[in-house]
């Protein structure tokens, strides 16, 4: 299980424990975190679970796969380094302390 901090666009923080095996998106959904819509339910078919991974964590999360990189082209103001789709980040103990920031909006 990992404690993940979800930071809303306005700065409000939500720290939740997410079980291993779930995705960062499922952790947000299951805990009612605003700002992650996840319209496709985690199929990597939209960009509504887009976040900016804290700079200290960019090299510690699994790398982006091609499909995720393609979907990030549709996200609101994607950053080439920190933008990720939370449906593509599986939670493990190694992600304990992960911080993600929501964009101003999801599209």
PDB file of N, CA and C in Angstrom:
ATOM      1  N   UNK A   1       0.853  -1.180   0.000  1.00  0.00           N
ATOM      2  CA  UNK A   1       0.000   0.000   0.000  1.00  0.00           C
ATOM      3  C   UNK A   1       0.894   1.237   0.000  1.00  0.00           C
ATOM      4  N   UNK A   2       0.441   2.261  -0.720  1.00  0.00           N
ATOM      5  CA  UNK A   2       1.224   3.485  -0.808  1.00  0.00           C
ATOM      6  C   UNK A   2       0.352   4.682  -0.461  1.00  0.00           C
ATOM      7  N   UNK A   3       0.937   5.634   0.255  1.00  0.00           N
ATOM      8  CA  UNK A   3       0.257   6.908   0.490  1.00  0.00           C
ATOM      9  C   UNK A   3       0.570   7.805  -0.700  1.00  0.00           C
ATOM     10  N   UNK A   4      -0.490   8.286  -1.327  1.00  0.00           N
ATOM     11  CA  UNK A   4      -0.349   9.157  -2.488  1.00  0.00           C
ATOM     12  C   UNK A   4      -1.014  10.479  -2.177  1.00  0.00           C
ATOM     13  N   UNK A   5      -0.341  11.558  -2.523  1.00  0.00           N
ATOM     14  CA  UNK A   5      -0.892  12.898  -2.328  1.00  0.00           C
ATOM     15  C   UNK A   5      -1.377  13.419  -3.672  1.00  0.00           C
ATOM     16  N   UNK A   6      -2.679  13.693  -3.726  1.00  0.00           N
ATOM     17  CA  UNK A   6      -3.311  14.281  -4.901  1.00  0.00           C
ATOM     18  C   UNK A   6      -3.522  15.753  -4.591  1.00  0.00           C
ATOM     19  N   UNK A   7      -3.019  16.627  -5.439  1.00  0.00           N
ATOM     20  CA  UNK A   7      -3.125  18.061  -5.202  1.00  0.00           C
ATOM     21  C   UNK A   7      -4.048  18.668  -6.253  1.00  0.00           C
ATOM     22  N   UNK A   8      -5.155  19.234  -5.782  1.00  0.00           N
ATOM     23  CA  UNK A   8      -6.091  19.891  -6.692  1.00  0.00           C
ATOM     24  C   UNK A   8      -5.433  21.123  -7.306  1.00  0.00           C
ATOM     25  N   UNK A   9      -5.986  21.602  -8.416  1.00  0.00           N
ATOM     26  CA  UNK A   9      -5.439  22.767  -9.095  1.00  0.00           C
ATOM     27  C   UNK A   9      -5.318  23.954  -8.145  1.00  0.00           C
ATOM     28  N   UNK A  10      -6.280  24.141  -7.264  1.00  0.00           N
ATOM     29  CA  UNK A  10      -6.254  25.245  -6.323  1.00  0.00           C
ATOM     30  C   UNK A  10      -5.320  25.056  -5.149  1.00  0.00           C
ATOM     31  N   UNK A  11      -4.705  23.879  -5.028  1.00  0.00           N
ATOM     32  CA  UNK A  11      -3.724  23.643  -3.966  1.00  0.00           C
ATOM     33  C   UNK A  11      -4.180  22.727  -2.844  1.00  0.00           C
ATOM     34  N   UNK A  12      -5.480  22.403  -2.769  1.00  0.00           N
ATOM     35  CA  UNK A  12      -5.955  21.523  -1.707  1.00  0.00           C
ATOM     36  C   UNK A  12      -5.373  20.124  -1.898  1.00  0.00           C
ATOM     37  N   UNK A  13      -4.840  19.565  -0.812  1.00  0.00           N
ATOM     38  CA  UNK A  13      -4.195  18.258  -0.872  1.00  0.00           C
ATOM     39  C   UNK A  13      -5.079  17.177  -0.267  1.00  0.00           C
ATOM     40  N   UNK A  14      -5.013  16.010  -0.875  1.00  0.00           N
ATOM     41  CA  UNK A  14      -5.701  14.820  -0.387  1.00  0.00           C
ATOM     42  C   UNK A  14      -4.664  13.710  -0.298  1.00  0.00           C
ATOM     43  N   UNK A  15      -4.413  13.208   0.896  1.00  0.00           N
ATOM     44  CA  UNK A  15      -3.469  12.113   1.080  1.00  0.00           C
ATOM     45  C   UNK A  15      -4.281  10.858   1.362  1.00  0.00           C
ATOM     46  N   UNK A  16      -4.124   9.855   0.498  1.00  0.00           N
ATOM     47  CA  UNK A  16      -4.885   8.622   0.659  1.00  0.00           C
ATOM     48  C   UNK A  16      -3.962   7.421   0.518  1.00  0.00           C
ATOM     49  N   UNK A  17      -4.350   6.332   1.158  1.00  0.00           N
ATOM     50  CA  UNK A  17      -3.637   5.078   1.000  1.00  0.00           C
ATOM     51  C   UNK A  17      -4.299   4.306  -0.131  1.00  0.00           C
ATOM     52  N   UNK A  18      -3.485   3.870  -1.075  1.00  0.00           N
ATOM     53  CA  UNK A  18      -3.988   3.146  -2.240  1.00  0.00           C
ATOM     54  C   UNK A  18      -3.353   1.756  -2.234  1.00  0.00           C
ATOM     55  N   UNK A  19      -4.181   0.710  -2.293  1.00  0.00           N
ATOM     56  CA  UNK A  19      -3.640  -0.646  -2.274  1.00  0.00           C
ATOM     57  C   UNK A  19      -2.777  -0.953  -3.501  1.00  0.00           C
ATOM     58  N   UNK A  20      -1.761  -1.759  -3.288  1.00  0.00           N
ATOM     59  CA  UNK A  20      -0.928  -2.222  -4.394  1.00  0.00           C
ATOM     60  C   UNK A  20      -1.796  -2.928  -5.431  1.00  0.00           C
ATOM     61  N   UNK A  21      -1.442  -2.746  -6.686  1.00  0.00           N
ATOM     62  CA  UNK A  21      -2.167  -3.390  -7.779  1.00  0.00           C
ATOM     63  C   UNK A  21      -3.204  -2.504  -8.423  1.00  0.00           C
ATOM     64  N   UNK A  22      -3.713  -1.522  -7.651  1.00  0.00           N
ATOM     65  CA  UNK A  22      -4.631  -0.557  -8.256  1.00  0.00           C
ATOM     66  C   UNK A  22      -3.802   0.475  -9.010  1.00  0.00           C
ATOM     67  N   UNK A  23      -4.475   1.311  -9.775  1.00  0.00           N
ATOM     68  CA  UNK A  23      -3.775   2.413 -10.428  1.00  0.00           C
ATOM     69  C   UNK A  23      -3.959   3.684  -9.606  1.00  0.00           C
ATOM     70  N   UNK A  24      -3.146   4.669  -9.890  1.00  0.00           N
ATOM     71  CA  UNK A  24      -3.278   5.967  -9.224  1.00  0.00           C
ATOM     72  C   UNK A  24      -4.662   6.554  -9.520  1.00  0.00           C
ATOM     73  N   UNK A  25      -5.192   6.311 -10.723  1.00  0.00           N
ATOM     74  CA  UNK A  25      -6.540   6.767 -11.075  1.00  0.00           C
ATOM     75  C   UNK A  25      -7.590   6.088 -10.207  1.00  0.00           C
ATOM     76  N   UNK A  26      -7.470   4.773 -10.017  1.00  0.00           N
ATOM     77  CA  UNK A  26      -8.440   4.047  -9.197  1.00  0.00           C
ATOM     78  C   UNK A  26      -8.394   4.537  -7.751  1.00  0.00           C
ATOM     79  N   UNK A  27      -7.209   4.887  -7.272  1.00  0.00           N
ATOM     80  CA  UNK A  27      -7.091   5.445  -5.926  1.00  0.00           C
ATOM     81  C   UNK A  27      -7.848   6.750  -5.796  1.00  0.00           C
ATOM     82  N   UNK A  28      -7.766   7.593  -6.815  1.00  0.00           N
ATOM     83  CA  UNK A  28      -8.507   8.859  -6.806  1.00  0.00           C
ATOM     84  C   UNK A  28     -10.003   8.598  -6.877  1.00  0.00           C
ATOM     85  N   UNK A  29     -10.401   7.754  -7.807  1.00  0.00           N
ATOM     86  CA  UNK A  29     -11.828   7.441  -7.987  1.00  0.00           C
ATOM     87  C   UNK A  29     -12.425   6.840  -6.720  1.00  0.00           C
ATOM     88  N   UNK A  30     -11.750   5.872  -6.136  1.00  0.00           N
ATOM     89  CA  UNK A  30     -12.278   5.178  -4.963  1.00  0.00           C
ATOM     90  C   UNK A  30     -12.337   6.048  -3.723  1.00  0.00           C
ATOM     91  N   UNK A  31     -11.592   7.149  -3.723  1.00  0.00           N
ATOM     92  CA  UNK A  31     -11.564   8.048  -2.566  1.00  0.00           C
ATOM     93  C   UNK A  31     -12.221   9.388  -2.837  1.00  0.00           C
ATOM     94  N   UNK A  32     -12.920   9.504  -3.967  1.00  0.00           N
ATOM     95  CA  UNK A  32     -13.679  10.723  -4.270  1.00  0.00           C
ATOM     96  C   UNK A  32     -12.820  11.955  -4.461  1.00  0.00           C
ATOM     97  N   UNK A  33     -11.619  11.785  -5.018  1.00  0.00           N
ATOM     98  CA  UNK A  33     -10.727  12.918  -5.235  1.00  0.00           C
ATOM     99  C   UNK A  33     -11.210  13.715  -6.439  1.00  0.00           C
ATOM    100  N   UNK A  34     -11.522  14.996  -6.264  1.00  0.00           N
ATOM    101  CA  UNK A  34     -11.956  15.793  -7.412  1.00  0.00           C
ATOM    102  C   UNK A  34     -10.791  16.124  -8.333  1.00  0.00           C
ATOM    103  N   UNK A  35     -11.097  16.266  -9.620  1.00  0.00           N
ATOM    104  CA  UNK A  35     -10.076  16.681 -10.580  1.00  0.00           C
ATOM    105  C   UNK A  35      -9.575  15.574 -11.472  1.00  0.00           C
ATOM    106  N   UNK A  36      -9.914  14.336 -11.152  1.00  0.00           N
ATOM    107  CA  UNK A  36      -9.585  13.204 -12.014  1.00  0.00           C
ATOM    108  C   UNK A  36     -10.915  12.571 -12.411  1.00  0.00           C
ATOM    109  N   UNK A  37     -11.292  12.769 -13.680  1.00  0.00           N
ATOM    110  CA  UNK A  37     -12.606  12.320 -14.143  1.00  0.00           C
ATOM    111  C   UNK A  37     -12.616  10.869 -14.605  1.00  0.00           C
ATOM    112  N   UNK A  38     -11.574  10.434 -15.292  1.00  0.00           N
ATOM    113  CA  UNK A  38     -11.442   9.042 -15.735  1.00  0.00           C
ATOM    114  C   UNK A  38     -12.647   8.570 -16.541  1.00  0.00           C
ATOM    115  N   UNK A  39     -12.999   9.327 -17.566  1.00  0.00           N
ATOM    116  CA  UNK A  39     -14.179   9.025 -18.377  1.00  0.00           C
ATOM    117  C   UNK A  39     -14.147   7.638 -19.016  1.00  0.00           C
ATOM    118  N   UNK A  40     -12.968   7.150 -19.395  1.00  0.00           N
ATOM    119  CA  UNK A  40     -12.896   5.847 -20.070  1.00  0.00           C
ATOM    120  C   UNK A  40     -12.751   4.693 -19.085  1.00  0.00           C
ATOM    121  N   UNK A  41     -12.704   4.988 -17.801  1.00  0.00           N
ATOM    122  CA  UNK A  41     -12.619   3.940 -16.793  1.00  0.00           C
ATOM    123  C   UNK A  41     -11.257   3.293 -16.656  1.00  0.00           C
ATOM    124  N   UNK A  42     -10.250   3.880 -17.252  1.00  0.00           N
ATOM    125  CA  UNK A  42      -8.905   3.344 -17.103  1.00  0.00           C
ATOM    126  C   UNK A  42      -8.402   2.582 -18.307  1.00  0.00           C
ATOM    127  N   UNK A  43      -9.038   2.751 -19.456  1.00  0.00           N
ATOM    128  CA  UNK A  43      -8.658   2.014 -20.665  1.00  0.00           C
ATOM    129  C   UNK A  43      -7.611   2.733 -21.513  1.00  0.00           C
ATOM    130  N   UNK A  44      -7.090   3.842 -21.027  1.00  0.00           N
ATOM    131  CA  UNK A  44      -6.123   4.648 -21.775  1.00  0.00           C
ATOM    132  C   UNK A  44      -6.719   5.074 -23.118  1.00  0.00           C
ATOM    133  N   UNK A  45      -7.997   5.467 -23.061  1.00  0.00           N
ATOM    134  CA  UNK A  45      -8.709   5.872 -24.273  1.00  0.00           C
ATOM    135  C   UNK A  45      -9.185   7.317 -24.205  1.00  0.00           C
ATOM    136  N   UNK A  46      -8.729   8.049 -23.205  1.00  0.00           N
ATOM    137  CA  UNK A  46      -9.049   9.469 -23.079  1.00  0.00           C
ATOM    138  C   UNK A  46      -7.892  10.116 -22.313  1.00  0.00           C
ATOM    139  N   UNK A  47      -8.045  11.361 -21.970  1.00  0.00           N
ATOM    140  CA  UNK A  47      -6.978  12.028 -21.197  1.00  0.00           C
ATOM    141  C   UNK A  47      -7.532  12.683 -19.945  1.00  0.00           C
ATOM    142  N   UNK A  48      -8.669  12.191 -19.455  1.00  0.00           N
ATOM    143  CA  UNK A  48      -9.330  12.854 -18.330  1.00  0.00           C
ATOM    144  C   UNK A  48      -8.835  12.408 -16.949  1.00  0.00           C
ATOM    145  N   UNK A  49      -7.722  11.686 -16.935  1.00  0.00           N
ATOM    146  CA  UNK A  49      -7.082  11.364 -15.649  1.00  0.00           C
ATOM    147  C   UNK A  49      -5.658  11.917 -15.643  1.00  0.00           C
ATOM    148  N   UNK A  50      -5.446  12.951 -16.442  1.00  0.00           N
ATOM    149  CA  UNK A  50      -4.140  13.591 -16.603  1.00  0.00           C
ATOM    150  C   UNK A  50      -3.715  14.278 -15.307  1.00  0.00           C
ATOM    151  N   UNK A  51      -2.444  14.111 -14.955  1.00  0.00           N
ATOM    152  CA  UNK A  51      -1.844  14.815 -13.820  1.00  0.00           C
ATOM    153  C   UNK A  51      -0.420  15.202 -14.185  1.00  0.00           C
ATOM    154  N   UNK A  52       0.147  16.056 -13.339  1.00  0.00           N
ATOM    155  CA  UNK A  52       1.568  16.385 -13.405  1.00  0.00           C
ATOM    156  C   UNK A  52       2.224  15.687 -12.221  1.00  0.00           C
ATOM    157  N   UNK A  53       3.148  14.790 -12.511  1.00  0.00           N
ATOM    158  CA  UNK A  53       3.878  14.085 -11.461  1.00  0.00           C
ATOM    159  C   UNK A  53       4.914  15.043 -10.884  1.00  0.00           C
ATOM    160  N   UNK A  54       4.990  15.094  -9.565  1.00  0.00           N
ATOM    161  CA  UNK A  54       5.981  15.928  -8.894  1.00  0.00           C
ATOM    162  C   UNK A  54       7.368  15.622  -9.461  1.00  0.00           C
ATOM    163  N   UNK A  55       8.155  16.654  -9.670  1.00  0.00           N
ATOM    164  CA  UNK A  55       9.475  16.510 -10.305  1.00  0.00           C
ATOM    165  C   UNK A  55      10.357  15.479  -9.598  1.00  0.00           C
ATOM    166  N   UNK A  56      10.237  15.375  -8.282  1.00  0.00           N
ATOM    167  CA  UNK A  56      11.050  14.414  -7.536  1.00  0.00           C
ATOM    168  C   UNK A  56      10.669  12.964  -7.842  1.00  0.00           C
ATOM    169  N   UNK A  57       9.509  12.769  -8.455  1.00  0.00           N
ATOM    170  CA  UNK A  57       9.006  11.424  -8.727  1.00  0.00           C
ATOM    171  C   UNK A  57       9.058  11.023 -10.196  1.00  0.00           C
ATOM    172  N   UNK A  58       9.365  11.940 -11.073  1.00  0.00           N
ATOM    173  CA  UNK A  58       9.310  11.663 -12.518  1.00  0.00           C
ATOM    174  C   UNK A  58      10.117  10.422 -12.890  1.00  0.00           C
ATOM    175  N   UNK A  59      11.303  10.286 -12.361  1.00  0.00           N
ATOM    176  CA  UNK A  59      12.151   9.141 -12.704  1.00  0.00           C
ATOM    177  C   UNK A  59      11.855   7.896 -11.871  1.00  0.00           C
ATOM    178  N   UNK A  60      10.905   8.005 -10.949  1.00  0.00           N
ATOM    179  CA  UNK A  60      10.608   6.879 -10.061  1.00  0.00           C
ATOM    180  C   UNK A  60       9.330   6.148 -10.432  1.00  0.00           C
ATOM    181  N   UNK A  61       8.514   6.755 -11.292  1.00  0.00           N
ATOM    182  CA  UNK A  61       7.311   6.067 -11.774  1.00  0.00           C
ATOM    183  C   UNK A  61       7.680   5.299 -13.040  1.00  0.00           C
ATOM    184  N   UNK A  62       6.939   4.239 -13.347  1.00  0.00           N
ATOM    185  CA  UNK A  62       7.248   3.486 -14.572  1.00  0.00           C
ATOM    186  C   UNK A  62       7.178   4.408 -15.801  1.00  0.00           C
ATOM    187  N   UNK A  63       7.992   4.137 -16.812  1.00  0.00           N
ATOM    188  CA  UNK A  63       8.018   5.011 -17.988  1.00  0.00           C
ATOM    189  C   UNK A  63       6.707   4.961 -18.781  1.00  0.00           C
ATOM    190  N   UNK A  64       6.453   6.028 -19.520  1.00  0.00           N
ATOM    191  CA  UNK A  64       5.287   6.100 -20.400  1.00  0.00           C
ATOM    192  C   UNK A  64       5.439   5.103 -21.536  1.00  0.00           C
ATOM    193  N   UNK A  65       4.355   4.454 -21.867  1.00  0.00           N
ATOM    194  CA  UNK A  65       4.301   3.617 -23.056  1.00  0.00           C
ATOM    195  C   UNK A  65       3.762   4.459 -24.211  1.00  0.00           C
ATOM    196  N   UNK A  66       3.879   3.982 -25.421  1.00  0.00           N
ATOM    197  CA  UNK A  66       3.499   4.745 -26.616  1.00  0.00           C
ATOM    198  C   UNK A  66       2.036   5.165 -26.596  1.00  0.00           C
ATOM    199  N   UNK A  67       1.137   4.277 -26.176  1.00  0.00           N
ATOM    200  CA  UNK A  67      -0.286   4.614 -26.182  1.00  0.00           C
ATOM    201  C   UNK A  67      -0.577   5.767 -25.221  1.00  0.00           C
ATOM    202  N   UNK A  68       0.025   5.752 -24.054  1.00  0.00           N
ATOM    203  CA  UNK A  68      -0.165   6.837 -23.099  1.00  0.00           C
ATOM    204  C   UNK A  68       0.383   8.142 -23.666  1.00  0.00           C
ATOM    205  N   UNK A  69       1.561   8.095 -24.255  1.00  0.00           N
ATOM    206  CA  UNK A  69       2.150   9.304 -24.844  1.00  0.00           C
ATOM    207  C   UNK A  69       1.229   9.885 -25.918  1.00  0.00           C
ATOM    208  N   UNK A  70       0.628   9.017 -26.723  1.00  0.00           N
ATOM    209  CA  UNK A  70      -0.302   9.486 -27.754  1.00  0.00           C
ATOM    210  C   UNK A  70      -1.532  10.149 -27.138  1.00  0.00           C
ATOM    211  N   UNK A  71      -2.089   9.553 -26.083  1.00  0.00           N
ATOM    212  CA  UNK A  71      -3.292  10.114 -25.449  1.00  0.00           C
ATOM    213  C   UNK A  71      -2.988  11.433 -24.748  1.00  0.00           C
ATOM    214  N   UNK A  72      -1.781  11.615 -24.269  1.00  0.00           N
ATOM    215  CA  UNK A  72      -1.417  12.876 -23.602  1.00  0.00           C
ATOM    216  C   UNK A  72      -1.452  14.049 -24.571  1.00  0.00           C
ATOM    217  N   UNK A  73      -1.390  13.789 -25.870  1.00  0.00           N
ATOM    218  CA  UNK A  73      -1.526  14.864 -26.857  1.00  0.00           C
ATOM    219  C   UNK A  73      -2.887  15.547 -26.757  1.00  0.00           C
ATOM    220  N   UNK A  74      -3.878  14.845 -26.196  1.00  0.00           N
ATOM    221  CA  UNK A  74      -5.234  15.378 -26.074  1.00  0.00           C
ATOM    222  C   UNK A  74      -5.496  16.011 -24.704  1.00  0.00           C
ATOM    223  N   UNK A  75      -4.542  15.949 -23.804  1.00  0.00           N
ATOM    224  CA  UNK A  75      -4.701  16.485 -22.452  1.00  0.00           C
ATOM    225  C   UNK A  75      -4.611  18.011 -22.456  1.00  0.00           C
ATOM    226  N   UNK A  76      -5.130  18.614 -21.389  1.00  0.00           N
ATOM    227  CA  UNK A  76      -5.061  20.058 -21.220  1.00  0.00           C
ATOM    228  C   UNK A  76      -3.658  20.441 -20.765  1.00  0.00           C
ATOM    229  N   UNK A  77      -2.988  21.253 -21.560  1.00  0.00           N
ATOM    230  CA  UNK A  77      -1.649  21.766 -21.270  1.00  0.00           C
ATOM    231  C   UNK A  77      -0.689  20.684 -20.766  1.00  0.00           C
ATOM    232  N   UNK A  78      -0.450  19.666 -21.600  1.00  0.00           N
ATOM    233  CA  UNK A  78       0.481  18.616 -21.173  1.00  0.00           C
ATOM    234  C   UNK A  78       1.914  19.123 -21.094  1.00  0.00           C
ATOM    235  N   UNK A  79       2.640  18.582 -20.148  1.00  0.00           N
ATOM    236  CA  UNK A  79       4.057  18.882 -19.991  1.00  0.00           C
ATOM    237  C   UNK A  79       4.830  17.657 -20.481  1.00  0.00           C
ATOM    238  N   UNK A  80       5.811  17.830 -21.353  1.00  0.00           N
ATOM    239  CA  UNK A  80       6.509  16.668 -21.903  1.00  0.00           C
ATOM    240  C   UNK A  80       7.237  15.817 -20.871  1.00  0.00           C
ATOM    241  N   UNK A  81       7.562  16.377 -19.730  1.00  0.00           N
ATOM    242  CA  UNK A  81       8.308  15.632 -18.709  1.00  0.00           C
ATOM    243  C   UNK A  81       7.407  15.108 -17.598  1.00  0.00           C
ATOM    244  N   UNK A  82       6.514  15.948 -17.072  1.00  0.00           N
ATOM    245  CA  UNK A  82       5.773  15.571 -15.865  1.00  0.00           C
ATOM    246  C   UNK A  82       4.364  15.044 -16.111  1.00  0.00           C
ATOM    247  N   UNK A  83       3.806  15.235 -17.293  1.00  0.00           N
ATOM    248  CA  UNK A  83       2.435  14.789 -17.547  1.00  0.00           C
ATOM    249  C   UNK A  83       2.342  13.274 -17.632  1.00  0.00           C
ATOM    250  N   UNK A  84       1.341  12.739 -16.943  1.00  0.00           N
ATOM    251  CA  UNK A  84       1.055  11.306 -16.988  1.00  0.00           C
ATOM    252  C   UNK A  84      -0.446  11.094 -16.920  1.00  0.00           C
ATOM    253  N   UNK A  85      -0.884   9.929 -17.388  1.00  0.00           N
ATOM    254  CA  UNK A  85      -2.263   9.495 -17.197  1.00  0.00           C
ATOM    255  C   UNK A  85      -2.255   8.555 -15.999  1.00  0.00           C
ATOM    256  N   UNK A  86      -3.050   8.883 -15.002  1.00  0.00           N
ATOM    257  CA  UNK A  86      -3.016   8.106 -13.759  1.00  0.00           C
ATOM    258  C   UNK A  86      -3.516   6.679 -13.945  1.00  0.00           C
ATOM    259  N   UNK A  87      -4.260   6.424 -14.997  1.00  0.00           N
ATOM    260  CA  UNK A  87      -4.727   5.055 -15.245  1.00  0.00           C
ATOM    261  C   UNK A  87      -3.582   4.148 -15.670  1.00  0.00           C
ATOM    262  N   UNK A  88      -2.445   4.721 -15.998  1.00  0.00           N
ATOM    263  CA  UNK A  88      -1.309   3.939 -16.480  1.00  0.00           C
ATOM    264  C   UNK A  88      -0.207   3.777 -15.433  1.00  0.00           C
ATOM    265  N   UNK A  89      -0.454   4.242 -14.219  1.00  0.00           N
ATOM    266  CA  UNK A  89       0.543   4.113 -13.157  1.00  0.00           C
ATOM    267  C   UNK A  89       0.010   3.149 -12.106  1.00  0.00           C
ATOM    268  N   UNK A  90       0.574   1.931 -12.078  1.00  0.00           N
ATOM    269  CA  UNK A  90       0.186   0.922 -11.091  1.00  0.00           C
ATOM    270  C   UNK A  90       0.857   1.221  -9.757  1.00  0.00           C
ATOM    271  N   UNK A  91       0.081   1.096  -8.707  1.00  0.00           N
ATOM    272  CA  UNK A  91       0.580   1.369  -7.365  1.00  0.00           C
ATOM    273  C   UNK A  91       1.369   0.176  -6.833  1.00  0.00           C
ATOM    274  N   UNK A  92       2.535   0.490  -6.281  1.00  0.00           N
ATOM    275  CA  UNK A  92       3.376  -0.481  -5.575  1.00  0.00           C
ATOM    276  C   UNK A  92       3.912   0.221  -4.329  1.00  0.00           C
ATOM    277  N   UNK A  93       4.549  -0.533  -3.460  1.00  0.00           N
ATOM    278  CA  UNK A  93       5.158   0.063  -2.275  1.00  0.00           C
ATOM    279  C   UNK A  93       6.178   1.130  -2.652  1.00  0.00           C
ATOM    280  N   UNK A  94       6.813   0.979  -3.808  1.00  0.00           N
ATOM    281  CA  UNK A  94       7.832   1.936  -4.262  1.00  0.00           C
ATOM    282  C   UNK A  94       7.249   3.321  -4.532  1.00  0.00           C
ATOM    283  N   UNK A  95       5.936   3.417  -4.675  1.00  0.00           N
ATOM    284  CA  UNK A  95       5.299   4.715  -4.929  1.00  0.00           C
ATOM    285  C   UNK A  95       4.810   5.396  -3.659  1.00  0.00           C
ATOM    286  N   UNK A  96       5.144   4.848  -2.499  1.00  0.00           N
ATOM    287  CA  UNK A  96       4.744   5.463  -1.236  1.00  0.00           C
ATOM    288  C   UNK A  96       5.324   6.878  -1.156  1.00  0.00           C
ATOM    289  N   UNK A  97       4.444   7.881  -1.048  1.00  0.00           N
ATOM    290  CA  UNK A  97       4.865   9.276  -0.996  1.00  0.00           C
ATOM    291  C   UNK A  97       4.695  10.026  -2.305  1.00  0.00           C
ATOM    292  N   UNK A  98       4.253   9.337  -3.345  1.00  0.00           N
ATOM    293  CA  UNK A  98       4.045   9.974  -4.651  1.00  0.00           C
ATOM    294  C   UNK A  98       3.134  11.184  -4.528  1.00  0.00           C
ATOM    295  N   UNK A  99       3.493  12.260  -5.248  1.00  0.00           N
ATOM    296  CA  UNK A  99       2.681  13.476  -5.295  1.00  0.00           C
ATOM    297  C   UNK A  99       2.322  13.760  -6.742  1.00  0.00           C
ATOM    298  N   UNK A 100       1.032  14.005  -6.980  1.00  0.00           N
ATOM    299  CA  UNK A 100       0.564  14.370  -8.318  1.00  0.00           C
ATOM    300  C   UNK A 100      -0.305  15.615  -8.214  1.00  0.00           C
ATOM    301  N   UNK A 101      -0.194  16.474  -9.205  1.00  0.00           N
ATOM    302  CA  UNK A 101      -0.946  17.746  -9.257  1.00  0.00           C
ATOM    303  C   UNK A 101      -1.930  17.665 -10.419  1.00  0.00           C
ATOM    304  N   UNK A 102      -3.183  17.998 -10.160  1.00  0.00           N
ATOM    305  CA  UNK A 102      -4.174  18.020 -11.206  1.00  0.00           C
ATOM    306  C   UNK A 102      -4.036  19.293 -12.044  1.00  0.00           C
ATOM    307  N   UNK A 103      -4.331  19.187 -13.338  1.00  0.00           N
ATOM    308  CA  UNK A 103      -4.332  20.394 -14.173  1.00  0.00           C
ATOM    309  C   UNK A 103      -5.551  21.262 -13.855  1.00  0.00           C
ATOM    310  N   UNK A 104      -5.594  22.417 -14.450  1.00  0.00           N
ATOM    311  CA  UNK A 104      -6.726  23.331 -14.229  1.00  0.00           C
ATOM    312  C   UNK A 104      -8.045  22.683 -14.625  1.00  0.00           C
ATOM    313  N   UNK A 105      -8.022  21.874 -15.685  1.00  0.00           N
ATOM    314  CA  UNK A 105      -9.233  21.168 -16.116  1.00  0.00           C
ATOM    315  C   UNK A 105      -8.833  19.920 -16.879  1.00  0.00           C
ATOM    316  N   UNK A 106      -9.787  19.034 -17.051  1.00  0.00           N
ATOM    317  CA  UNK A 106      -9.588  17.830 -17.860  1.00  0.00           C
ATOM    318  C   UNK A 106     -10.386  18.003 -19.145  1.00  0.00           C
ATOM    319  N   UNK A 107      -9.809  17.560 -20.246  1.00  0.00           N
ATOM    320  CA  UNK A 107     -10.535  17.633 -21.529  1.00  0.00           C
ATOM    321  C   UNK A 107     -10.478  16.292 -22.237  1.00  0.00           C
TER     322      UNK A 107
END
